[in-house]
PDB file of all heavy atoms in Angstrom:
ATOM      1  N   PHE A   1      -8.457 -19.051 -18.233  1.00  0.00           N
ATOM      2  CA  PHE A   1      -7.179 -19.043 -17.517  1.00  0.00           C
ATOM      3  C   PHE A   1      -7.478 -19.142 -16.029  1.00  0.00           C
ATOM      4  O   PHE A   1      -8.216 -18.317 -15.489  1.00  0.00           O
ATOM      5  CB  PHE A   1      -6.405 -17.747 -17.790  1.00  0.00           C
ATOM      6  CG  PHE A   1      -5.997 -17.557 -19.223  1.00  0.00           C
ATOM      7  CD1 PHE A   1      -6.644 -16.652 -20.030  1.00  0.00           C
ATOM      8  CD2 PHE A   1      -4.943 -18.290 -19.754  1.00  0.00           C
ATOM      9  CE1 PHE A   1      -6.267 -16.462 -21.350  1.00  0.00           C
ATOM     10  CE2 PHE A   1      -4.552 -18.110 -21.068  1.00  0.00           C
ATOM     11  CZ  PHE A   1      -5.216 -17.203 -21.872  1.00  0.00           C
ATOM     12  N   THR A   2      -6.935 -20.140 -15.357  1.00  0.00           N
ATOM     13  CA  THR A   2      -7.170 -20.277 -13.913  1.00  0.00           C
ATOM     14  C   THR A   2      -6.381 -19.206 -13.159  1.00  0.00           C
ATOM     15  O   THR A   2      -5.361 -18.705 -13.648  1.00  0.00           O
ATOM     16  CB  THR A   2      -6.731 -21.661 -13.406  1.00  0.00           C
ATOM     17  OG1 THR A   2      -5.323 -21.813 -13.626  1.00  0.00           O
ATOM     18  CG2 THR A   2      -7.504 -22.783 -14.071  1.00  0.00           C
ATOM     19  N   PRO A   3      -6.836 -18.838 -11.973  1.00  0.00           N
ATOM     20  CA  PRO A   3      -6.088 -17.871 -11.161  1.00  0.00           C
ATOM     21  C   PRO A   3      -4.645 -18.313 -10.909  1.00  0.00           C
ATOM     22  O   PRO A   3      -3.730 -17.486 -10.901  1.00  0.00           O
ATOM     23  CB  PRO A   3      -6.888 -17.800  -9.856  1.00  0.00           C
ATOM     24  CG  PRO A   3      -8.276 -18.165 -10.258  1.00  0.00           C
ATOM     25  CD  PRO A   3      -8.108 -19.202 -11.350  1.00  0.00           C
ATOM     26  N   GLU A   4      -4.433 -19.606 -10.729  1.00  0.00           N
ATOM     27  CA  GLU A   4      -3.080 -20.120 -10.482  1.00  0.00           C
ATOM     28  C   GLU A   4      -2.180 -19.895 -11.694  1.00  0.00           C
ATOM     29  O   GLU A   4      -1.002 -19.546 -11.544  1.00  0.00           O
ATOM     30  CB  GLU A   4      -3.115 -21.614 -10.137  1.00  0.00           C
ATOM     31  CG  GLU A   4      -3.850 -21.938  -8.851  1.00  0.00           C
ATOM     32  CD  GLU A   4      -5.366 -22.019  -8.999  1.00  0.00           C
ATOM     33  OE1 GLU A   4      -5.882 -22.000 -10.137  1.00  0.00           O
ATOM     34  OE2 GLU A   4      -6.045 -22.074  -7.954  1.00  0.00           O
ATOM     35  N   TYR A   5      -2.722 -20.079 -12.883  1.00  0.00           N
ATOM     36  CA  TYR A   5      -1.951 -19.884 -14.109  1.00  0.00           C
ATOM     37  C   TYR A   5      -1.598 -18.408 -14.296  1.00  0.00           C
ATOM     38  O   TYR A   5      -0.464 -18.062 -14.629  1.00  0.00           O
ATOM     39  CB  TYR A   5      -2.745 -20.405 -15.303  1.00  0.00           C
ATOM     40  CG  TYR A   5      -1.999 -20.346 -16.611  1.00  0.00           C
ATOM     41  CD1 TYR A   5      -0.943 -21.216 -16.863  1.00  0.00           C
ATOM     42  CD2 TYR A   5      -2.337 -19.428 -17.588  1.00  0.00           C
ATOM     43  CE1 TYR A   5      -0.254 -21.178 -18.065  1.00  0.00           C
ATOM     44  CE2 TYR A   5      -1.656 -19.387 -18.788  1.00  0.00           C
ATOM     45  CZ  TYR A   5      -0.605 -20.261 -19.022  1.00  0.00           C
ATOM     46  OH  TYR A   5       0.073 -20.209 -20.204  1.00  0.00           O
ATOM     47  N   VAL A   6      -2.577 -17.527 -14.063  1.00  0.00           N
ATOM     48  CA  VAL A   6      -2.340 -16.085 -14.176  1.00  0.00           C
ATOM     49  C   VAL A   6      -1.301 -15.646 -13.151  1.00  0.00           C
ATOM     50  O   VAL A   6      -0.374 -14.882 -13.468  1.00  0.00           O
ATOM     51  CB  VAL A   6      -3.655 -15.299 -14.004  1.00  0.00           C
ATOM     52  CG1 VAL A   6      -3.396 -13.799 -13.921  1.00  0.00           C
ATOM     53  CG2 VAL A   6      -4.624 -15.622 -15.132  1.00  0.00           C
ATOM     54  N   GLU A   7      -1.411 -16.147 -11.932  1.00  0.00           N
ATOM     55  CA  GLU A   7      -0.443 -15.788 -10.881  1.00  0.00           C
ATOM     56  C   GLU A   7       0.958 -16.225 -11.275  1.00  0.00           C
ATOM     57  O   GLU A   7       1.929 -15.494 -11.056  1.00  0.00           O
ATOM     58  CB  GLU A   7      -0.855 -16.425  -9.556  1.00  0.00           C
ATOM     59  CG  GLU A   7      -0.101 -15.906  -8.351  1.00  0.00           C
ATOM     60  CD  GLU A   7       1.216 -16.619  -8.096  1.00  0.00           C
ATOM     61  OE1 GLU A   7       1.359 -17.789  -8.506  1.00  0.00           O
ATOM     62  OE2 GLU A   7       2.112 -16.004  -7.487  1.00  0.00           O
ATOM     63  N   SER A   8       1.073 -17.385 -11.878  1.00  0.00           N
ATOM     64  CA  SER A   8       2.374 -17.880 -12.322  1.00  0.00           C
ATOM     65  C   SER A   8       2.974 -16.964 -13.396  1.00  0.00           C
ATOM     66  O   SER A   8       4.156 -16.615 -13.345  1.00  0.00           O
ATOM     67  CB  SER A   8       2.234 -19.305 -12.858  1.00  0.00           C
ATOM     68  OG  SER A   8       3.422 -19.742 -13.435  1.00  0.00           O
ATOM     69  N   LEU A   9       2.168 -16.559 -14.374  1.00  0.00           N
ATOM     70  CA  LEU A   9       2.632 -15.647 -15.426  1.00  0.00           C
ATOM     71  C   LEU A   9       3.062 -14.304 -14.839  1.00  0.00           C
ATOM     72  O   LEU A   9       4.100 -13.755 -15.211  1.00  0.00           O
ATOM     73  CB  LEU A   9       1.536 -15.409 -16.460  1.00  0.00           C
ATOM     74  CG  LEU A   9       1.300 -16.484 -17.495  1.00  0.00           C
ATOM     75  CD1 LEU A   9       0.054 -16.160 -18.314  1.00  0.00           C
ATOM     76  CD2 LEU A   9       2.504 -16.631 -18.403  1.00  0.00           C
ATOM     77  N   VAL A  10       2.253 -13.769 -13.930  1.00  0.00           N
ATOM     78  CA  VAL A  10       2.563 -12.468 -13.326  1.00  0.00           C
ATOM     79  C   VAL A  10       3.843 -12.559 -12.501  1.00  0.00           C
ATOM     80  O   VAL A  10       4.699 -11.665 -12.559  1.00  0.00           O
ATOM     81  CB  VAL A  10       1.375 -11.954 -12.484  1.00  0.00           C
ATOM     82  CG1 VAL A  10       1.767 -10.738 -11.649  1.00  0.00           C
ATOM     83  CG2 VAL A  10       0.189 -11.629 -13.380  1.00  0.00           C
ATOM     84  N   THR A  11       4.011 -13.629 -11.751  1.00  0.00           N
ATOM     85  CA  THR A  11       5.224 -13.801 -10.945  1.00  0.00           C
ATOM     86  C   THR A  11       6.466 -13.844 -11.826  1.00  0.00           C
ATOM     87  O   THR A  11       7.462 -13.174 -11.541  1.00  0.00           O
ATOM     88  CB  THR A  11       5.136 -15.088 -10.096  1.00  0.00           C
ATOM     89  OG1 THR A  11       4.043 -14.946  -9.179  1.00  0.00           O
ATOM     90  CG2 THR A  11       6.418 -15.335  -9.314  1.00  0.00           C
ATOM     91  N   LYS A  12       6.406 -14.602 -12.919  1.00  0.00           N
ATOM     92  CA  LYS A  12       7.549 -14.677 -13.831  1.00  0.00           C
ATOM     93  C   LYS A  12       7.833 -13.316 -14.457  1.00  0.00           C
ATOM     94  O   LYS A  12       8.992 -12.908 -14.591  1.00  0.00           O
ATOM     95  CB  LYS A  12       7.295 -15.720 -14.921  1.00  0.00           C
ATOM     96  CG  LYS A  12       7.309 -17.138 -14.410  1.00  0.00           C
ATOM     97  CD  LYS A  12       6.905 -18.118 -15.497  1.00  0.00           C
ATOM     98  CE  LYS A  12       6.803 -19.521 -14.932  1.00  0.00           C
ATOM     99  NZ  LYS A  12       6.270 -20.468 -15.923  1.00  0.00           N
ATOM    100  N   ALA A  13       6.795 -12.593 -14.838  1.00  0.00           N
ATOM    101  CA  ALA A  13       6.966 -11.272 -15.444  1.00  0.00           C
ATOM    102  C   ALA A  13       7.556 -10.278 -14.437  1.00  0.00           C
ATOM    103  O   ALA A  13       8.431  -9.484 -14.784  1.00  0.00           O
ATOM    104  CB  ALA A  13       5.636 -10.761 -15.978  1.00  0.00           C
ATOM    105  N   CYS A  14       7.082 -10.339 -13.205  1.00  0.00           N
ATOM    106  CA  CYS A  14       7.612  -9.446 -12.164  1.00  0.00           C
ATOM    107  C   CYS A  14       9.075  -9.754 -11.888  1.00  0.00           C
ATOM    108  O   CYS A  14       9.883  -8.836 -11.709  1.00  0.00           O
ATOM    109  CB  CYS A  14       6.787  -9.560 -10.894  1.00  0.00           C
ATOM    110  SG  CYS A  14       5.173  -8.749 -11.010  1.00  0.00           S
ATOM    111  N   ASN A  15       9.424 -11.027 -11.860  1.00  0.00           N
ATOM    112  CA  ASN A  15      10.828 -11.402 -11.668  1.00  0.00           C
ATOM    113  C   ASN A  15      11.689 -10.876 -12.813  1.00  0.00           C
ATOM    114  O   ASN A  15      12.794 -10.382 -12.595  1.00  0.00           O
ATOM    115  CB  ASN A  15      10.979 -12.915 -11.551  1.00  0.00           C
ATOM    116  CG  ASN A  15      10.468 -13.453 -10.241  1.00  0.00           C
ATOM    117  OD1 ASN A  15      10.342 -12.719  -9.258  1.00  0.00           O
ATOM    118  ND2 ASN A  15      10.147 -14.722 -10.215  1.00  0.00           N
ATOM    119  N   GLU A  16      11.169 -10.964 -14.030  1.00  0.00           N
ATOM    120  CA  GLU A  16      11.886 -10.487 -15.213  1.00  0.00           C
ATOM    121  C   GLU A  16      12.130  -8.970 -15.139  1.00  0.00           C
ATOM    122  O   GLU A  16      13.189  -8.491 -15.514  1.00  0.00           O
ATOM    123  CB  GLU A  16      11.077 -10.831 -16.464  1.00  0.00           C
ATOM    124  CG  GLU A  16      11.749 -10.520 -17.758  1.00  0.00           C
ATOM    125  CD  GLU A  16      12.842 -11.491 -18.145  1.00  0.00           C
ATOM    126  OE1 GLU A  16      12.905 -12.606 -17.582  1.00  0.00           O
ATOM    127  OE2 GLU A  16      13.644 -11.113 -18.999  1.00  0.00           O
ATOM    128  N   ALA A  17      11.138  -8.230 -14.642  1.00  0.00           N
ATOM    129  CA  ALA A  17      11.224  -6.772 -14.586  1.00  0.00           C
ATOM    130  C   ALA A  17      11.785  -6.258 -13.260  1.00  0.00           C
ATOM    131  O   ALA A  17      11.971  -5.058 -13.094  1.00  0.00           O
ATOM    132  CB  ALA A  17       9.854  -6.165 -14.836  1.00  0.00           C
ATOM    133  N   ASN A  18      12.017  -7.151 -12.316  1.00  0.00           N
ATOM    134  CA  ASN A  18      12.517  -6.808 -10.982  1.00  0.00           C
ATOM    135  C   ASN A  18      11.561  -5.868 -10.240  1.00  0.00           C
ATOM    136  O   ASN A  18      11.961  -4.849  -9.681  1.00  0.00           O
ATOM    137  CB  ASN A  18      13.926  -6.215 -11.051  1.00  0.00           C
ATOM    138  CG  ASN A  18      14.684  -6.426  -9.759  1.00  0.00           C
ATOM    139  OD1 ASN A  18      14.366  -7.326  -8.972  1.00  0.00           O
ATOM    140  ND2 ASN A  18      15.688  -5.610  -9.524  1.00  0.00           N
ATOM    141  N   ILE A  19      10.268  -6.246 -10.281  1.00  0.00           N
ATOM    142  CA  ILE A  19       9.237  -5.516  -9.554  1.00  0.00           C
ATOM    143  C   ILE A  19       8.429  -6.492  -8.714  1.00  0.00           C
ATOM    144  O   ILE A  19       8.505  -7.706  -8.899  1.00  0.00           O
ATOM    145  CB  ILE A  19       8.289  -4.743 -10.497  1.00  0.00           C
ATOM    146  CG1 ILE A  19       7.594  -5.688 -11.493  1.00  0.00           C
ATOM    147  CG2 ILE A  19       9.014  -3.612 -11.203  1.00  0.00           C
ATOM    148  CD1 ILE A  19       6.575  -5.009 -12.392  1.00  0.00           C
ATOM    149  N   MET A  20       7.655  -5.947  -7.784  1.00  0.00           N
ATOM    150  CA  MET A  20       6.756  -6.751  -6.964  1.00  0.00           C
ATOM    151  C   MET A  20       5.434  -6.017  -6.879  1.00  0.00           C
ATOM    152  O   MET A  20       5.407  -4.798  -6.653  1.00  0.00           O
ATOM    153  CB  MET A  20       7.330  -6.948  -5.564  1.00  0.00           C
ATOM    154  CG  MET A  20       6.427  -7.750  -4.645  1.00  0.00           C
ATOM    155  SD  MET A  20       7.165  -8.084  -3.029  1.00  0.00           S
ATOM    156  CE  MET A  20       7.271  -6.463  -2.336  1.00  0.00           C
ATOM    157  N   CYS A  21       4.337  -6.730  -7.079  1.00  0.00           N
ATOM    158  CA  CYS A  21       3.002  -6.137  -7.023  1.00  0.00           C
ATOM    159  C   CYS A  21       2.247  -6.716  -5.834  1.00  0.00           C
ATOM    160  O   CYS A  21       2.263  -7.922  -5.617  1.00  0.00           O
ATOM    161  CB  CYS A  21       2.230  -6.421  -8.297  1.00  0.00           C
ATOM    162  SG  CYS A  21       2.986  -5.739  -9.763  1.00  0.00           S
ATOM    163  N   ILE A  22       1.606  -5.833  -5.095  1.00  0.00           N
ATOM    164  CA  ILE A  22       0.782  -6.249  -3.962  1.00  0.00           C
ATOM    165  C   ILE A  22      -0.631  -5.735  -4.197  1.00  0.00           C
ATOM    166  O   ILE A  22      -0.830  -4.566  -4.540  1.00  0.00           O
ATOM    167  CB  ILE A  22       1.345  -5.690  -2.641  1.00  0.00           C
ATOM    168  CG1 ILE A  22       2.736  -6.269  -2.408  1.00  0.00           C
ATOM    169  CG2 ILE A  22       0.404  -5.980  -1.481  1.00  0.00           C
ATOM    170  CD1 ILE A  22       3.424  -5.778  -1.180  1.00  0.00           C
ATOM    171  N   PHE A  23      -1.621  -6.628  -4.039  1.00  0.00           N
ATOM    172  CA  PHE A  23      -3.028  -6.269  -4.235  1.00  0.00           C
ATOM    173  C   PHE A  23      -3.739  -6.263  -2.893  1.00  0.00           C
ATOM    174  O   PHE A  23      -3.597  -7.189  -2.094  1.00  0.00           O
ATOM    175  CB  PHE A  23      -3.721  -7.267  -5.170  1.00  0.00           C
ATOM    176  CG  PHE A  23      -5.188  -6.986  -5.336  1.00  0.00           C
ATOM    177  CD1 PHE A  23      -5.609  -6.002  -6.204  1.00  0.00           C
ATOM    178  CD2 PHE A  23      -6.130  -7.685  -4.603  1.00  0.00           C
ATOM    179  CE1 PHE A  23      -6.965  -5.719  -6.354  1.00  0.00           C
ATOM    180  CE2 PHE A  23      -7.481  -7.415  -4.742  1.00  0.00           C
ATOM    181  CZ  PHE A  23      -7.901  -6.432  -5.624  1.00  0.00           C
ATOM    182  N   ASN A  24      -4.507  -5.211  -2.661  1.00  0.00           N
ATOM    183  CA  ASN A  24      -5.332  -5.103  -1.464  1.00  0.00           C
ATOM    184  C   ASN A  24      -6.765  -4.798  -1.879  1.00  0.00           C
ATOM    185  O   ASN A  24      -6.990  -3.973  -2.766  1.00  0.00           O
ATOM    186  CB  ASN A  24      -4.849  -3.957  -0.559  1.00  0.00           C
ATOM    187  CG  ASN A  24      -3.444  -4.155  -0.073  1.00  0.00           C
ATOM    188  OD1 ASN A  24      -3.103  -5.202   0.442  1.00  0.00           O
ATOM    189  ND2 ASN A  24      -2.603  -3.152  -0.266  1.00  0.00           N
ATOM    190  N   LEU A  25      -7.740  -5.452  -1.261  1.00  0.00           N
ATOM    191  CA  LEU A  25      -9.155  -5.148  -1.459  1.00  0.00           C
ATOM    192  C   LEU A  25      -9.626  -4.455  -0.198  1.00  0.00           C
ATOM    193  O   LEU A  25      -9.411  -4.959   0.911  1.00  0.00           O
ATOM    194  CB  LEU A  25      -9.959  -6.429  -1.707  1.00  0.00           C
ATOM    195  CG  LEU A  25     -11.453  -6.241  -1.939  1.00  0.00           C
ATOM    196  CD1 LEU A  25     -11.704  -5.441  -3.220  1.00  0.00           C
ATOM    197  CD2 LEU A  25     -12.156  -7.589  -2.010  1.00  0.00           C
ATOM    198  N   ASP A  26     -10.254  -3.307  -0.353  1.00  0.00           N
ATOM    199  CA  ASP A  26     -10.663  -2.522   0.810  1.00  0.00           C
ATOM    200  C   ASP A  26     -12.026  -1.899   0.540  1.00  0.00           C
ATOM    201  O   ASP A  26     -12.563  -1.999  -0.561  1.00  0.00           O
ATOM    202  CB  ASP A  26      -9.622  -1.442   1.106  1.00  0.00           C
ATOM    203  CG  ASP A  26      -9.559  -1.074   2.575  1.00  0.00           C
ATOM    204  OD1 ASP A  26     -10.488  -1.418   3.336  1.00  0.00           O
ATOM    205  OD2 ASP A  26      -8.583  -0.428   2.979  1.00  0.00           O
ATOM    206  N   CYS A  27     -12.573  -1.264   1.545  1.00  0.00           N
ATOM    207  CA  CYS A  27     -13.880  -0.634   1.446  1.00  0.00           C
ATOM    208  C   CYS A  27     -13.843   0.682   2.212  1.00  0.00           C
ATOM    209  O   CYS A  27     -13.227   0.765   3.278  1.00  0.00           O
ATOM    210  CB  CYS A  27     -14.937  -1.571   2.030  1.00  0.00           C
ATOM    211  SG  CYS A  27     -16.630  -0.983   1.840  1.00  0.00           S
ATOM    212  N   ASP A  28     -14.464   1.709   1.652  1.00  0.00           N
ATOM    213  CA  ASP A  28     -14.608   2.970   2.366  1.00  0.00           C
ATOM    214  C   ASP A  28     -16.047   3.453   2.183  1.00  0.00           C
ATOM    215  O   ASP A  28     -16.909   2.682   1.757  1.00  0.00           O
ATOM    216  CB  ASP A  28     -13.570   4.005   1.905  1.00  0.00           C
ATOM    217  CG  ASP A  28     -13.692   4.374   0.444  1.00  0.00           C
ATOM    218  OD1 ASP A  28     -14.728   4.060  -0.188  1.00  0.00           O
ATOM    219  OD2 ASP A  28     -12.754   4.991  -0.085  1.00  0.00           O
ATOM    220  N   GLN A  29     -16.313   4.709   2.493  1.00  0.00           N
ATOM    221  CA  GLN A  29     -17.680   5.221   2.420  1.00  0.00           C
ATOM    222  C   GLN A  29     -18.246   5.201   1.000  1.00  0.00           C
ATOM    223  O   GLN A  29     -19.454   5.266   0.801  1.00  0.00           O
ATOM    224  CB  GLN A  29     -17.769   6.638   3.003  1.00  0.00           C
ATOM    225  CG  GLN A  29     -17.089   7.716   2.185  1.00  0.00           C
ATOM    226  CD  GLN A  29     -15.630   7.939   2.534  1.00  0.00           C
ATOM    227  OE1 GLN A  29     -14.964   7.059   3.083  1.00  0.00           O
ATOM    228  NE2 GLN A  29     -15.128   9.117   2.218  1.00  0.00           N
ATOM    229  N   PHE A  30     -17.400   5.067  -0.008  1.00  0.00           N
ATOM    230  CA  PHE A  30     -17.844   5.028  -1.402  1.00  0.00           C
ATOM    231  C   PHE A  30     -18.010   3.606  -1.935  1.00  0.00           C
ATOM    232  O   PHE A  30     -18.453   3.411  -3.053  1.00  0.00           O
ATOM    233  CB  PHE A  30     -16.863   5.802  -2.287  1.00  0.00           C
ATOM    234  CG  PHE A  30     -16.685   7.230  -1.857  1.00  0.00           C
ATOM    235  CD1 PHE A  30     -15.497   7.639  -1.292  1.00  0.00           C
ATOM    236  CD2 PHE A  30     -17.711   8.143  -1.996  1.00  0.00           C
ATOM    237  CE1 PHE A  30     -15.328   8.953  -0.881  1.00  0.00           C
ATOM    238  CE2 PHE A  30     -17.558   9.456  -1.588  1.00  0.00           C
ATOM    239  CZ  PHE A  30     -16.366   9.863  -1.031  1.00  0.00           C
ATOM    240  N   GLY A  31     -17.610   2.609  -1.163  1.00  0.00           N
ATOM    241  CA  GLY A  31     -17.740   1.220  -1.588  1.00  0.00           C
ATOM    242  C   GLY A  31     -16.398   0.520  -1.669  1.00  0.00           C
ATOM    243  O   GLY A  31     -15.393   0.984  -1.139  1.00  0.00           O
ATOM    244  N   TYR A  32     -16.384  -0.612  -2.350  1.00  0.00           N
ATOM    245  CA  TYR A  32     -15.176  -1.425  -2.467  1.00  0.00           C
ATOM    246  C   TYR A  32     -14.211  -0.840  -3.487  1.00  0.00           C
ATOM    247  O   TYR A  32     -14.627  -0.216  -4.461  1.00  0.00           O
ATOM    248  CB  TYR A  32     -15.526  -2.855  -2.894  1.00  0.00           C
ATOM    249  CG  TYR A  32     -16.170  -3.653  -1.802  1.00  0.00           C
ATOM    250  CD1 TYR A  32     -17.552  -3.777  -1.743  1.00  0.00           C
ATOM    251  CD2 TYR A  32     -15.401  -4.278  -0.837  1.00  0.00           C
ATOM    252  CE1 TYR A  32     -18.153  -4.501  -0.733  1.00  0.00           C
ATOM    253  CE2 TYR A  32     -16.002  -5.007   0.174  1.00  0.00           C
ATOM    254  CZ  TYR A  32     -17.372  -5.110   0.218  1.00  0.00           C
ATOM    255  OH  TYR A  32     -17.955  -5.821   1.216  1.00  0.00           O
ATOM    256  N   PHE A  33     -12.946  -1.080  -3.239  1.00  0.00           N
ATOM    257  CA  PHE A  33     -11.938  -0.711  -4.225  1.00  0.00           C
ATOM    258  C   PHE A  33     -10.748  -1.650  -4.099  1.00  0.00           C
ATOM    259  O   PHE A  33     -10.458  -2.185  -3.036  1.00  0.00           O
ATOM    260  CB  PHE A  33     -11.489   0.748  -4.081  1.00  0.00           C
ATOM    261  CG  PHE A  33     -10.808   1.078  -2.776  1.00  0.00           C
ATOM    262  CD1 PHE A  33      -9.425   1.039  -2.673  1.00  0.00           C
ATOM    263  CD2 PHE A  33     -11.548   1.431  -1.669  1.00  0.00           C
ATOM    264  CE1 PHE A  33      -8.788   1.350  -1.480  1.00  0.00           C
ATOM    265  CE2 PHE A  33     -10.922   1.751  -0.468  1.00  0.00           C
ATOM    266  CZ  PHE A  33      -9.544   1.715  -0.369  1.00  0.00           C
ATOM    267  N   GLY A  34     -10.122  -1.878  -5.224  1.00  0.00           N
ATOM    268  CA  GLY A  34      -8.900  -2.663  -5.256  1.00  0.00           C
ATOM    269  C   GLY A  34      -7.718  -1.721  -5.395  1.00  0.00           C
ATOM    270  O   GLY A  34      -7.795  -0.712  -6.098  1.00  0.00           O
ATOM    271  N   GLU A  35      -6.657  -2.039  -4.730  1.00  0.00           N
ATOM    272  CA  GLU A  35      -5.446  -1.223  -4.775  1.00  0.00           C
ATOM    273  C   GLU A  35      -4.276  -2.125  -5.154  1.00  0.00           C
ATOM    274  O   GLU A  35      -4.086  -3.166  -4.548  1.00  0.00           O
ATOM    275  CB  GLU A  35      -5.201  -0.598  -3.406  1.00  0.00           C
ATOM    276  CG  GLU A  35      -3.892   0.120  -3.278  1.00  0.00           C
ATOM    277  CD  GLU A  35      -3.610   0.567  -1.864  1.00  0.00           C
ATOM    278  OE1 GLU A  35      -3.517  -0.310  -0.967  1.00  0.00           O
ATOM    279  OE2 GLU A  35      -3.499   1.774  -1.652  1.00  0.00           O
ATOM    280  N   VAL A  36      -3.537  -1.724  -6.177  1.00  0.00           N
ATOM    281  CA  VAL A  36      -2.322  -2.428  -6.563  1.00  0.00           C
ATOM    282  C   VAL A  36      -1.154  -1.490  -6.307  1.00  0.00           C
ATOM    283  O   VAL A  36      -1.138  -0.362  -6.801  1.00  0.00           O
ATOM    284  CB  VAL A  36      -2.338  -2.855  -8.050  1.00  0.00           C
ATOM    285  CG1 VAL A  36      -1.028  -3.537  -8.412  1.00  0.00           C
ATOM    286  CG2 VAL A  36      -3.517  -3.766  -8.337  1.00  0.00           C
ATOM    287  N   ILE A  37      -0.199  -1.955  -5.530  1.00  0.00           N
ATOM    288  CA  ILE A  37       1.023  -1.192  -5.293  1.00  0.00           C
ATOM    289  C   ILE A  37       2.155  -1.958  -5.960  1.00  0.00           C
ATOM    290  O   ILE A  37       2.380  -3.129  -5.668  1.00  0.00           O
ATOM    291  CB  ILE A  37       1.315  -1.007  -3.796  1.00  0.00           C
ATOM    292  CG1 ILE A  37       0.126  -0.335  -3.105  1.00  0.00           C
ATOM    293  CG2 ILE A  37       2.589  -0.179  -3.607  1.00  0.00           C
ATOM    294  CD1 ILE A  37       0.228  -0.285  -1.601  1.00  0.00           C
ATOM    295  N   THR A  38       2.833  -1.295  -6.894  1.00  0.00           N
ATOM    296  CA  THR A  38       3.943  -1.898  -7.617  1.00  0.00           C
ATOM    297  C   THR A  38       5.234  -1.286  -7.106  1.00  0.00           C
ATOM    298  O   THR A  38       5.395  -0.068  -7.131  1.00  0.00           O
ATOM    299  CB  THR A  38       3.817  -1.659  -9.134  1.00  0.00           C
ATOM    300  OG1 THR A  38       2.537  -2.143  -9.565  1.00  0.00           O
ATOM    301  CG2 THR A  38       4.916  -2.373  -9.895  1.00  0.00           C
ATOM    302  N   TYR A  39       6.132  -2.141  -6.622  1.00  0.00           N
ATOM    303  CA  TYR A  39       7.417  -1.703  -6.081  1.00  0.00           C
ATOM    304  C   TYR A  39       8.546  -2.042  -7.041  1.00  0.00           C
ATOM    305  O   TYR A  39       8.603  -3.159  -7.555  1.00  0.00           O
ATOM    306  CB  TYR A  39       7.716  -2.392  -4.740  1.00  0.00           C
ATOM    307  CG  TYR A  39       6.791  -1.985  -3.632  1.00  0.00           C
ATOM    308  CD1 TYR A  39       5.664  -2.740  -3.336  1.00  0.00           C
ATOM    309  CD2 TYR A  39       7.046  -0.859  -2.864  1.00  0.00           C
ATOM    310  CE1 TYR A  39       4.809  -2.381  -2.316  1.00  0.00           C
ATOM    311  CE2 TYR A  39       6.199  -0.483  -1.832  1.00  0.00           C
ATOM    312  CZ  TYR A  39       5.087  -1.249  -1.565  1.00  0.00           C
ATOM    313  OH  TYR A  39       4.241  -0.884  -0.556  1.00  0.00           O
ATOM    314  N   ASP A  40       9.427  -1.098  -7.263  1.00  0.00           N
ATOM    315  CA  ASP A  40      10.673  -1.351  -7.985  1.00  0.00           C
ATOM    316  C   ASP A  40      11.631  -1.921  -6.943  1.00  0.00           C
ATOM    317  O   ASP A  40      11.971  -1.255  -5.967  1.00  0.00           O
ATOM    318  CB  ASP A  40      11.214  -0.048  -8.559  1.00  0.00           C
ATOM    319  CG  ASP A  40      12.507  -0.227  -9.315  1.00  0.00           C
ATOM    320  OD1 ASP A  40      13.252  -1.190  -9.039  1.00  0.00           O
ATOM    321  OD2 ASP A  40      12.793   0.612 -10.180  1.00  0.00           O
ATOM    322  N   LEU A  41      12.049  -3.159  -7.113  1.00  0.00           N
ATOM    323  CA  LEU A  41      12.878  -3.822  -6.106  1.00  0.00           C
ATOM    324  C   LEU A  41      14.299  -3.282  -6.032  1.00  0.00           C
ATOM    325  O   LEU A  41      15.003  -3.533  -5.064  1.00  0.00           O
ATOM    326  CB  LEU A  41      12.892  -5.336  -6.352  1.00  0.00           C
ATOM    327  CG  LEU A  41      11.530  -6.012  -6.187  1.00  0.00           C
ATOM    328  CD1 LEU A  41      11.630  -7.484  -6.522  1.00  0.00           C
ATOM    329  CD2 LEU A  41      10.993  -5.814  -4.791  1.00  0.00           C
ATOM    330  N   GLU A  42      14.712  -2.512  -7.031  1.00  0.00           N
ATOM    331  CA  GLU A  42      16.042  -1.909  -6.992  1.00  0.00           C
ATOM    332  C   GLU A  42      16.056  -0.634  -6.154  1.00  0.00           C
ATOM    333  O   GLU A  42      17.011  -0.373  -5.433  1.00  0.00           O
ATOM    334  CB  GLU A  42      16.528  -1.607  -8.407  1.00  0.00           C
ATOM    335  CG  GLU A  42      16.761  -2.867  -9.226  1.00  0.00           C
ATOM    336  CD  GLU A  42      17.095  -2.542 -10.670  1.00  0.00           C
ATOM    337  OE1 GLU A  42      17.958  -1.682 -10.896  1.00  0.00           O
ATOM    338  OE2 GLU A  42      16.482  -3.147 -11.553  1.00  0.00           O
ATOM    339  N   SER A  43      15.004   0.156  -6.265  1.00  0.00           N
ATOM    340  CA  SER A  43      15.000   1.457  -5.588  1.00  0.00           C
ATOM    341  C   SER A  43      13.947   1.579  -4.488  1.00  0.00           C
ATOM    342  O   SER A  43      13.970   2.542  -3.731  1.00  0.00           O
ATOM    343  CB  SER A  43      14.735   2.557  -6.612  1.00  0.00           C
ATOM    344  OG  SER A  43      13.389   2.459  -7.069  1.00  0.00           O
ATOM    345  N   CYS A  44      13.003   0.651  -4.438  1.00  0.00           N
ATOM    346  CA  CYS A  44      11.862   0.685  -3.515  1.00  0.00           C
ATOM    347  C   CYS A  44      10.888   1.814  -3.827  1.00  0.00           C
ATOM    348  O   CYS A  44      10.003   2.116  -3.039  1.00  0.00           O
ATOM    349  CB  CYS A  44      12.308   0.751  -2.053  1.00  0.00           C
ATOM    350  SG  CYS A  44      13.160  -0.739  -1.541  1.00  0.00           S
TER     351      CYS A  44
END
């Protein structure tokens, strides 16, 4: 599955559920970590 195809599926699913997901890649003293923040677009 290409990243573009996965992104398309996730976007459609998020639209269906009325949510938005934001991904951040960061680093701290323990190393790298990914952070996903999921927002409910109705209530924030």
